[in-house]
Amino acid sequence: MTAAFTLTTTHTDGRLAILRVAGEIDLHTAAALREEALDIIVQGHPQMILNLSGVTFCDSSGFNALIGIMRCAMTAHGSLTLAAVPDRLLRMLALAGLSTIMPSYPDTDAALSAHPATAPGPA
């Protein structure tokens, strides 16, 4: 049985959106994750930070959903940044060679500080 899956928009500002994912991302929920995230991109927020601190499980379907979200964000001249990624998913990203184009940070604040849309410019 799949744990309850939720995707909550916690912040939007211009082209940036911060979303929090909770529950299991699997065959039964991956499509909903992708669809909801793509809706946010279409609404004009292609710079996306996903906080995955509430994710309890992620299978290959969920992994593929993240790749799809990243591709759509990049097509819209945006990016996908991850925050609070569970260890198992971090290893999957590293093994797939995606950790450089889908960077991850220990928490949302660190991701926000490093994000190109919000990082302080030169003085």
C-alpha atoms as a PDB file:
ATOM      1  CA  MET A   1       0.000   0.000   0.000  1.00  0.00           C
ATOM      2  CA  THR A   2       1.286   3.430  -0.972  1.00  0.00           C
ATOM      3  CA  ALA A   3       1.651   6.029   1.766  1.00  0.00           C
ATOM      4  CA  ALA A   4      -0.236   9.277   1.259  1.00  0.00           C
ATOM      5  CA  PHE A   5       1.519  11.437  -1.289  1.00  0.00           C
ATOM      6  CA  THR A   6       1.402  15.222  -1.131  1.00  0.00           C
ATOM      7  CA  LEU A   7       2.994  18.035  -3.068  1.00  0.00           C
ATOM      8  CA  THR A   8       2.652  21.414  -1.414  1.00  0.00           C
ATOM      9  CA  THR A   9       3.734  24.742  -2.849  1.00  0.00           C
ATOM     10  CA  THR A  10       5.394  26.551   0.036  1.00  0.00           C
ATOM     11  CA  HIS A  11       6.693  29.627  -1.808  1.00  0.00           C
ATOM     12  CA  THR A  12       6.497  31.338  -5.184  1.00  0.00           C
ATOM     13  CA  ASP A  13       8.326  34.469  -6.176  1.00  0.00           C
ATOM     14  CA  GLY A  14       8.668  35.477  -9.808  1.00  0.00           C
ATOM     15  CA  ARG A  15      10.101  32.503 -11.710  1.00  0.00           C
ATOM     16  CA  LEU A  16      10.929  30.592  -8.487  1.00  0.00           C
ATOM     17  CA  ALA A  17       8.753  28.021  -6.756  1.00  0.00           C
ATOM     18  CA  ILE A  18       9.565  25.965  -3.675  1.00  0.00           C
ATOM     19  CA  LEU A  19       7.601  22.757  -3.248  1.00  0.00           C
ATOM     20  CA  ARG A  20       7.566  20.144  -0.488  1.00  0.00           C
ATOM     21  CA  VAL A  21       7.072  16.496  -1.406  1.00  0.00           C
ATOM     22  CA  ALA A  22       5.922  13.974   1.205  1.00  0.00           C
ATOM     23  CA  GLY A  23       5.093  10.283   1.124  1.00  0.00           C
ATOM     24  CA  GLU A  24       6.098   7.625  -1.372  1.00  0.00           C
ATOM     25  CA  ILE A  25       7.024   8.435  -4.951  1.00  0.00           C
ATOM     26  CA  ASP A  26       6.329   5.233  -6.816  1.00  0.00           C
ATOM     27  CA  LEU A  27       4.411   3.764  -9.741  1.00  0.00           C
ATOM     28  CA  HIS A  28       1.139   4.971  -8.203  1.00  0.00           C
ATOM     29  CA  THR A  29       2.176   8.547  -7.387  1.00  0.00           C
ATOM     30  CA  ALA A  30       4.972   9.516  -9.805  1.00  0.00           C
ATOM     31  CA  ALA A  31       2.595  10.719 -12.515  1.00  0.00           C
ATOM     32  CA  ALA A  32       0.811  13.002 -10.032  1.00  0.00           C
ATOM     33  CA  LEU A  33       4.143  14.463  -8.887  1.00  0.00           C
ATOM     34  CA  ARG A  34       5.190  15.156 -12.461  1.00  0.00           C
ATOM     35  CA  GLU A  35       1.818  16.593 -13.477  1.00  0.00           C
ATOM     36  CA  GLU A  36       1.541  18.905 -10.466  1.00  0.00           C
ATOM     37  CA  ALA A  37       5.136  20.118 -10.814  1.00  0.00           C
ATOM     38  CA  LEU A  38       4.677  20.747 -14.548  1.00  0.00           C
ATOM     39  CA  ASP A  39       1.566  22.793 -13.769  1.00  0.00           C
ATOM     40  CA  ILE A  40       3.716  25.021 -11.546  1.00  0.00           C
ATOM     41  CA  ILE A  41       6.267  25.408 -14.360  1.00  0.00           C
ATOM     42  CA  VAL A  42       3.518  26.316 -16.839  1.00  0.00           C
ATOM     43  CA  GLN A  43       2.235  28.923 -14.364  1.00  0.00           C
ATOM     44  CA  GLY A  44       5.553  30.737 -14.840  1.00  0.00           C
ATOM     45  CA  HIS A  45       7.780  29.211 -12.148  1.00  0.00           C
ATOM     46  CA  PRO A  46      10.425  27.154 -14.026  1.00  0.00           C
ATOM     47  CA  GLN A  47      13.072  27.724 -11.323  1.00  0.00           C
ATOM     48  CA  MET A  48      11.991  24.967  -8.962  1.00  0.00           C
ATOM     49  CA  ILE A  49      13.291  23.791  -5.606  1.00  0.00           C
ATOM     50  CA  LEU A  50      11.841  20.484  -4.400  1.00  0.00           C
ATOM     51  CA  ASN A  51      12.166  19.775  -0.687  1.00  0.00           C
ATOM     52  CA  LEU A  52      12.169  15.978  -0.416  1.00  0.00           C
ATOM     53  CA  SER A  53      12.510  15.760   3.382  1.00  0.00           C
ATOM     54  CA  GLY A  54       9.122  14.069   3.668  1.00  0.00           C
ATOM     55  CA  VAL A  55       9.786  11.405   1.028  1.00  0.00           C
ATOM     56  CA  THR A  56       9.745   7.962   2.610  1.00  0.00           C
ATOM     57  CA  PHE A  57      10.366   5.943  -0.565  1.00  0.00           C
ATOM     58  CA  CYS A  58      11.280   6.605  -4.190  1.00  0.00           C
ATOM     59  CA  ASP A  59      11.420   3.907  -6.854  1.00  0.00           C
ATOM     60  CA  SER A  60      12.484   4.153 -10.500  1.00  0.00           C
ATOM     61  CA  SER A  61       9.116   5.672 -11.450  1.00  0.00           C
ATOM     62  CA  GLY A  62       9.715   8.502  -9.003  1.00  0.00           C
ATOM     63  CA  PHE A  63      13.283   8.891 -10.205  1.00  0.00           C
ATOM     64  CA  ASN A  64      12.013   9.176 -13.791  1.00  0.00           C
ATOM     65  CA  ALA A  65       9.418  11.747 -12.691  1.00  0.00           C
ATOM     66  CA  LEU A  66      12.218  13.911 -11.259  1.00  0.00           C
ATOM     67  CA  ILE A  67      14.126  13.652 -14.540  1.00  0.00           C
ATOM     68  CA  GLY A  68      10.975  14.617 -16.462  1.00  0.00           C
ATOM     69  CA  ILE A  69      10.414  17.625 -14.202  1.00  0.00           C
ATOM     70  CA  MET A  70      14.030  18.687 -14.664  1.00  0.00           C
ATOM     71  CA  ARG A  71      13.770  18.413 -18.461  1.00  0.00           C
ATOM     72  CA  CYS A  72      10.560  20.454 -18.563  1.00  0.00           C
ATOM     73  CA  ALA A  73      12.062  23.099 -16.279  1.00  0.00           C
ATOM     74  CA  MET A  74      15.139  23.328 -18.498  1.00  0.00           C
ATOM     75  CA  THR A  75      12.957  23.601 -21.624  1.00  0.00           C
ATOM     76  CA  ALA A  76      11.263  26.582 -19.938  1.00  0.00           C
ATOM     77  CA  HIS A  77      14.739  28.081 -19.255  1.00  0.00           C
ATOM     78  CA  GLY A  78      14.584  27.037 -15.615  1.00  0.00           C
ATOM     79  CA  SER A  79      16.139  24.420 -13.385  1.00  0.00           C
ATOM     80  CA  LEU A  80      15.365  21.811 -10.763  1.00  0.00           C
ATOM     81  CA  THR A  81      17.196  21.968  -7.444  1.00  0.00           C
ATOM     82  CA  LEU A  82      16.637  19.407  -4.690  1.00  0.00           C
ATOM     83  CA  ALA A  83      16.708  19.922  -0.933  1.00  0.00           C
ATOM     84  CA  ALA A  84      16.811  17.437   1.954  1.00  0.00           C
ATOM     85  CA  VAL A  85      17.186  14.460  -0.371  1.00  0.00           C
ATOM     86  CA  PRO A  86      16.992  11.019   1.282  1.00  0.00           C
ATOM     87  CA  ASP A  87      20.323   9.137   1.167  1.00  0.00           C
ATOM     88  CA  ARG A  88      19.087   6.368  -1.131  1.00  0.00           C
ATOM     89  CA  LEU A  89      17.884   8.880  -3.724  1.00  0.00           C
ATOM     90  CA  LEU A  90      21.153  10.831  -3.447  1.00  0.00           C
ATOM     91  CA  ARG A  91      23.024   7.648  -4.365  1.00  0.00           C
ATOM     92  CA  MET A  92      20.709   7.065  -7.358  1.00  0.00           C
ATOM     93  CA  LEU A  93      21.339  10.611  -8.609  1.00  0.00           C
ATOM     94  CA  ALA A  94      25.095  10.236  -8.235  1.00  0.00           C
ATOM     95  CA  LEU A  95      25.156   6.850  -9.985  1.00  0.00           C
ATOM     96  CA  ALA A  96      23.111   8.232 -12.876  1.00  0.00           C
ATOM     97  CA  GLY A  97      25.453  11.226 -13.174  1.00  0.00           C
ATOM     98  CA  LEU A  98      22.632  13.692 -12.515  1.00  0.00           C
ATOM     99  CA  SER A  99      23.963  15.330  -9.371  1.00  0.00           C
ATOM    100  CA  THR A 100      25.635  18.114 -11.372  1.00  0.00           C
ATOM    101  CA  ILE A 101      22.564  19.122 -13.384  1.00  0.00           C
ATOM    102  CA  MET A 102      20.106  18.397 -10.577  1.00  0.00           C
ATOM    103  CA  PRO A 103      22.029  19.755  -7.568  1.00  0.00           C
ATOM    104  CA  SER A 104      20.969  18.878  -4.050  1.00  0.00           C
ATOM    105  CA  TYR A 105      21.404  20.668  -0.744  1.00  0.00           C
ATOM    106  CA  PRO A 106      20.907  19.639   2.886  1.00  0.00           C
ATOM    107  CA  ASP A 107      17.841  21.867   3.350  1.00  0.00           C
ATOM    108  CA  THR A 108      15.665  24.414   1.594  1.00  0.00           C
ATOM    109  CA  ASP A 109      17.547  27.411   3.003  1.00  0.00           C
ATOM    110  CA  ALA A 110      20.851  26.139   1.580  1.00  0.00           C
ATOM    111  CA  ALA A 111      19.211  25.414  -1.780  1.00  0.00           C
ATOM    112  CA  LEU A 112      17.667  28.866  -1.825  1.00  0.00           C
ATOM    113  CA  SER A 113      20.979  30.540  -0.971  1.00  0.00           C
ATOM    114  CA  ALA A 114      22.767  28.684  -3.773  1.00  0.00           C
ATOM    115  CA  HIS A 115      19.973  29.069  -6.319  1.00  0.00           C
ATOM    116  CA  PRO A 116      20.942  31.269  -9.287  1.00  0.00           C
ATOM    117  CA  ALA A 117      17.602  33.102  -9.206  1.00  0.00           C
ATOM    118  CA  THR A 118      18.135  34.190  -5.598  1.00  0.00           C
ATOM    119  CA  ALA A 119      21.896  34.058  -4.977  1.00  0.00           C
ATOM    120  CA  PRO A 120      23.386  37.453  -4.161  1.00  0.00           C
ATOM    121  CA  GLY A 121      25.265  38.993  -7.063  1.00  0.00           C
ATOM    122  CA  PRO A 122      28.679  40.653  -7.005  1.00  0.00           C
ATOM    123  CA  ALA A 123      28.883  43.790  -4.885  1.00  0.00           C
END
